Protein backbone atom coordinates (compact mmCIF):
# COMPACT_ATOMS: atom_id res chain seq x y z
CA MET A 1 0.00 0.00 0.00
CA SER A 2 1.34 3.44 -0.92
CA THR A 3 2.05 5.98 1.78
CA GLN A 4 -0.89 8.24 2.59
CA ARG A 5 -0.24 11.90 3.33
CA ILE A 6 -2.71 13.11 5.94
CA ALA A 7 -3.05 16.66 7.24
CA PHE A 8 -4.35 16.71 10.82
CA LEU A 9 -5.66 20.18 11.68
CA GLY A 10 -6.13 21.14 15.31
CA ALA A 11 -4.78 17.81 16.48
CA SER A 12 -2.54 18.74 19.40
CA ARG A 13 -4.99 17.39 22.01
CA GLY A 14 -8.32 15.63 22.41
CA LEU A 15 -9.64 13.42 19.63
CA GLY A 16 -7.21 14.82 17.09
CA ALA A 17 -4.18 13.89 19.17
CA ALA A 18 -5.58 10.39 19.68
CA VAL A 19 -6.02 9.97 15.91
CA VAL A 20 -2.49 11.19 15.25
CA ALA A 21 -1.22 8.61 17.73
CA LEU A 22 -2.97 5.89 15.73
CA SER A 23 -1.30 7.09 12.54
CA GLU A 24 2.08 6.14 13.96
CA MET A 25 1.17 2.48 13.42
CA GLN A 26 0.08 3.06 9.81
CA ASN A 27 1.78 3.75 6.52
CA VAL A 28 1.19 7.47 6.90
CA GLU A 29 3.17 10.64 6.42
CA GLY A 30 1.45 13.28 8.52
CA LEU A 31 1.33 17.01 9.00
CA VAL A 32 -0.08 18.35 12.28
CA ILE A 33 -1.18 21.98 12.08
CA SER A 34 -2.38 23.74 15.22
CA ARG A 35 -1.56 26.65 17.47
CA GLN A 36 0.82 24.49 19.51
CA PRO A 37 1.61 21.41 17.40
CA LYS A 38 3.75 18.63 18.82
CA SER A 39 5.01 15.24 17.73
CA VAL A 40 8.02 13.06 18.42
CA ASN A 41 7.33 10.87 15.39
CA PRO A 42 9.73 11.69 12.51
CA LYS A 43 6.97 10.80 10.04
CA ILE A 44 4.83 13.60 11.45
CA LYS A 45 5.71 17.13 10.45
CA ILE A 46 4.40 20.09 12.42
CA PHE A 47 3.34 23.60 11.47
CA SER A 48 2.21 26.27 13.91
CA CYS A 49 -0.88 28.28 12.96
CA ASP A 50 -3.58 30.05 14.95
CA PHE A 51 -6.84 29.30 13.11
CA ALA A 52 -8.59 32.15 14.91
CA GLN A 53 -6.63 34.78 12.99
CA MET A 54 -7.99 35.48 9.49
CA GLN A 55 -4.62 36.77 8.35
CA ASN A 56 -3.14 33.32 8.98
CA LEU A 57 -5.42 31.49 6.56
CA GLU A 58 -3.23 32.13 3.52
CA LEU A 59 -0.21 30.76 5.40
CA LEU A 60 -2.31 27.74 6.36
CA GLN A 61 -3.25 27.14 2.74
CA GLN A 62 0.38 27.50 1.65
CA ALA A 63 1.45 24.90 4.20
CA LEU A 64 -1.20 22.50 2.93
CA ARG A 65 -0.27 23.02 -0.71
CA GLY A 66 3.38 22.39 0.13
CA PHE A 67 2.50 19.15 1.91
CA ALA A 68 0.07 18.05 -0.84
CA PRO A 69 -2.15 15.84 1.36
CA HIS A 70 -4.30 12.98 0.17
CA LYS A 71 -6.60 13.52 3.16
CA LEU A 72 -7.42 16.58 5.25
CA TRP A 73 -8.98 15.98 8.66
CA TYR A 74 -10.14 19.03 10.64
CA PHE A 75 -10.47 18.52 14.42
CA ALA A 76 -10.20 22.09 15.70
CA GLY A 77 -13.12 23.54 17.62
CA GLY A 78 -14.22 24.92 20.93
CA GLY A 79 -15.65 27.93 22.63
CA PRO A 80 -16.18 29.68 25.95
CA TYR A 81 -18.03 27.78 28.66
CA GLY A 82 -20.68 29.65 30.61
CA PRO A 83 -23.75 31.86 30.12
CA PHE A 84 -23.64 33.50 26.69
CA ALA A 85 -24.11 37.09 27.89
CA LYS A 86 -21.41 36.82 30.53
CA LYS A 87 -18.66 35.93 28.05
CA ASP A 88 -16.76 38.53 26.06
CA TRP A 89 -17.74 38.91 22.42
CA LYS A 90 -14.18 38.13 21.33
CA ASP A 91 -14.51 34.69 22.90
CA HIS A 92 -17.65 33.93 20.91
CA HIS A 93 -15.98 35.25 17.78
CA TRP A 94 -13.05 32.91 18.43
CA ALA A 95 -15.43 29.94 18.66
CA TRP A 96 -17.10 30.75 15.34
CA GLN A 97 -13.82 31.47 13.58
CA VAL A 98 -12.11 28.24 14.66
CA SER A 99 -15.13 25.94 14.64
CA PHE A 100 -16.81 27.14 11.44
CA VAL A 101 -15.23 29.96 9.41
CA THR A 102 -11.78 28.40 9.02
CA PRO A 103 -13.02 24.89 8.12
CA ALA A 104 -15.57 26.45 5.73
CA LYS A 105 -12.81 28.42 4.02
CA LEU A 106 -10.61 25.33 3.72
CA LEU A 107 -13.46 23.28 2.31
CA HIS A 108 -14.16 26.00 -0.24
CA GLU A 109 -10.52 26.05 -1.32
CA ALA A 110 -10.37 22.24 -1.42
CA LEU A 111 -13.42 22.01 -3.68
CA ARG A 112 -11.90 24.60 -6.01
CA GLY A 113 -8.73 22.51 -6.30
CA ASN A 114 -6.56 25.03 -4.49
CA LEU A 115 -5.11 22.69 -1.84
CA GLY A 116 -3.30 20.37 -4.23
CA VAL A 117 -4.25 17.93 -6.96
CA ASP A 118 -3.64 14.92 -4.70
CA LEU A 119 -6.38 15.80 -2.22
CA GLN A 120 -9.05 13.10 -2.20
CA GLN A 121 -10.86 13.44 1.11
CA VAL A 122 -11.93 16.13 3.58
CA ILE A 123 -13.41 15.19 6.95
CA MET A 124 -14.79 17.76 9.35
CA VAL A 125 -15.42 16.84 12.98
CA GLY A 126 -18.80 17.93 14.30
CA SER A 127 -20.65 17.05 17.48
CA ALA A 128 -23.48 14.56 17.87
CA VAL A 129 -24.86 16.77 20.63
CA ALA A 130 -24.05 20.41 19.83
CA GLU A 131 -24.83 20.26 16.10
CA ASP A 132 -28.43 19.08 16.53
CA LYS A 133 -29.80 20.75 19.65
CA TRP A 134 -29.02 23.21 22.41
CA ASP A 135 -25.85 22.79 24.46
CA ILE A 136 -26.26 24.72 27.70
CA HIS A 137 -23.41 27.13 28.47
CA ALA A 138 -21.84 26.35 25.08
CA ALA A 139 -24.06 28.49 22.83
CA SER A 140 -21.39 29.80 20.47
CA TYR A 141 -19.88 26.33 20.08
CA ALA A 142 -23.33 24.88 19.33
CA ALA A 143 -24.00 27.63 16.79
CA ALA A 144 -20.75 26.86 14.98
CA LYS A 145 -21.37 23.12 14.94
CA HIS A 146 -24.93 23.61 13.66
CA ALA A 147 -23.48 25.70 10.83
CA LEU A 148 -20.72 23.21 10.06
CA LYS A 149 -23.19 20.34 9.78
CA GLY A 150 -25.45 22.36 7.50
CA LEU A 151 -22.52 23.28 5.29
CA VAL A 152 -21.07 19.78 4.94
CA LEU A 153 -24.38 18.00 4.37
CA SER A 154 -25.45 20.61 1.82
CA ILE A 155 -22.19 20.19 -0.10
CA VAL A 156 -22.53 16.42 -0.07
CA GLU A 157 -26.02 16.77 -1.56
CA GLU A 158 -24.68 19.10 -4.26
CA GLY A 159 -22.24 16.41 -5.36
CA CYS A 160 -18.55 17.11 -5.62
CA ASN A 161 -15.27 15.64 -6.78
CA LEU A 162 -13.99 15.01 -3.25
CA ASP A 163 -14.94 12.54 -0.53
CA VAL A 164 -16.43 15.07 1.92
CA ARG A 165 -17.61 13.73 5.28
CA LEU A 166 -18.78 14.83 8.72
CA PHE A 167 -17.79 12.80 11.79
CA SER A 168 -19.97 13.58 14.80
CA PRO A 169 -18.92 11.99 18.10
CA SER A 170 -20.66 12.48 21.42
CA TYR A 171 -19.06 13.96 24.55
CA MET A 172 -15.53 12.72 25.17
CA ASP A 173 -13.48 12.61 28.36
CA THR A 174 -10.85 15.21 27.52
CA GLU A 175 -9.60 18.44 29.04
CA LEU A 176 -11.77 20.26 26.52
CA LEU A 177 -14.88 19.24 28.48
CA PRO A 178 -14.74 21.34 31.69
CA SER A 179 -15.08 19.63 35.04
CA GLY A 180 -18.25 21.60 35.76
CA ALA A 181 -19.82 20.98 32.36
CA SER A 182 -23.44 19.87 32.33
CA PRO A 183 -22.71 16.40 30.83
CA ARG A 184 -20.33 15.57 33.67
CA GLN A 185 -22.69 16.92 36.31
CA ARG A 186 -25.69 14.94 35.09
CA GLY A 187 -23.73 11.72 34.59
CA ALA A 188 -24.04 11.58 30.80
CA ASP A 189 -22.23 8.86 28.87
CA ILE A 190 -18.79 10.32 28.19
CA LEU A 191 -16.63 8.43 25.71
CA ASP A 192 -12.97 7.42 25.82
CA PRO A 193 -11.23 9.51 23.10
CA SER A 194 -8.89 6.62 22.24
CA ALA A 195 -11.86 4.38 21.47
CA VAL A 196 -13.51 7.13 19.43
CA ALA A 197 -10.23 7.66 17.56
CA GLN A 198 -10.21 4.01 16.50
CA VAL A 199 -13.81 4.28 15.25
CA PHE A 200 -12.87 7.43 13.37
CA TRP A 201 -9.81 5.84 11.80
CA ASP A 202 -11.60 2.70 10.63
CA TRP A 203 -14.43 4.78 9.16
CA ALA A 204 -12.18 7.42 7.57
CA VAL A 205 -10.13 4.87 5.62
CA SER A 206 -13.21 2.90 4.54
CA ASP A 207 -15.29 3.54 1.43
CA ASP A 208 -18.41 4.07 3.52
CA GLY A 209 -19.01 7.72 4.23
CA ASP A 210 -22.08 7.19 6.40
CA HIS A 211 -21.68 8.00 10.09
């Protein structure tokens, strides 16, 4: 099997980091792009980029074109936790920029053929909870995930020359889910990110885009 070049965006922690760890056992050449990327695997390159800054998007696209990925997997997302009105507007703006605007821009460029001729697949990571209903104290995150789902599913229905998918896991036990978050307080089923990473990997490399 030929080596697959995979770009992991926002994969320095959480589910993304768990997926990158799985790639170390595969025939993969990887590029991790995030605000604070890290890897000790020589097959994994790193590139630092803050997705919240619009002026960085051209540098991000240049890095992707230089790497020429076969697959682009976008894990970045998040937002302020707490009552919407009590959080600064800049924090909500950050959530929308990282969780929707940047992946939307990358998807647009990918579909136009501007991220390299070798690109075959784009997977965006949504949220089984936040993209379909309210998520108390995570309003801006939920808004972004609603938008991301609408975008991806609409593009899939349009038909395109890329394998475009949305992966939507439930709550995971990572540092990104605050200790006081509603799911933890009410005893919701919170998943092991390593187990979710394996599900993601098996699905992402399969021909079945349904999830």
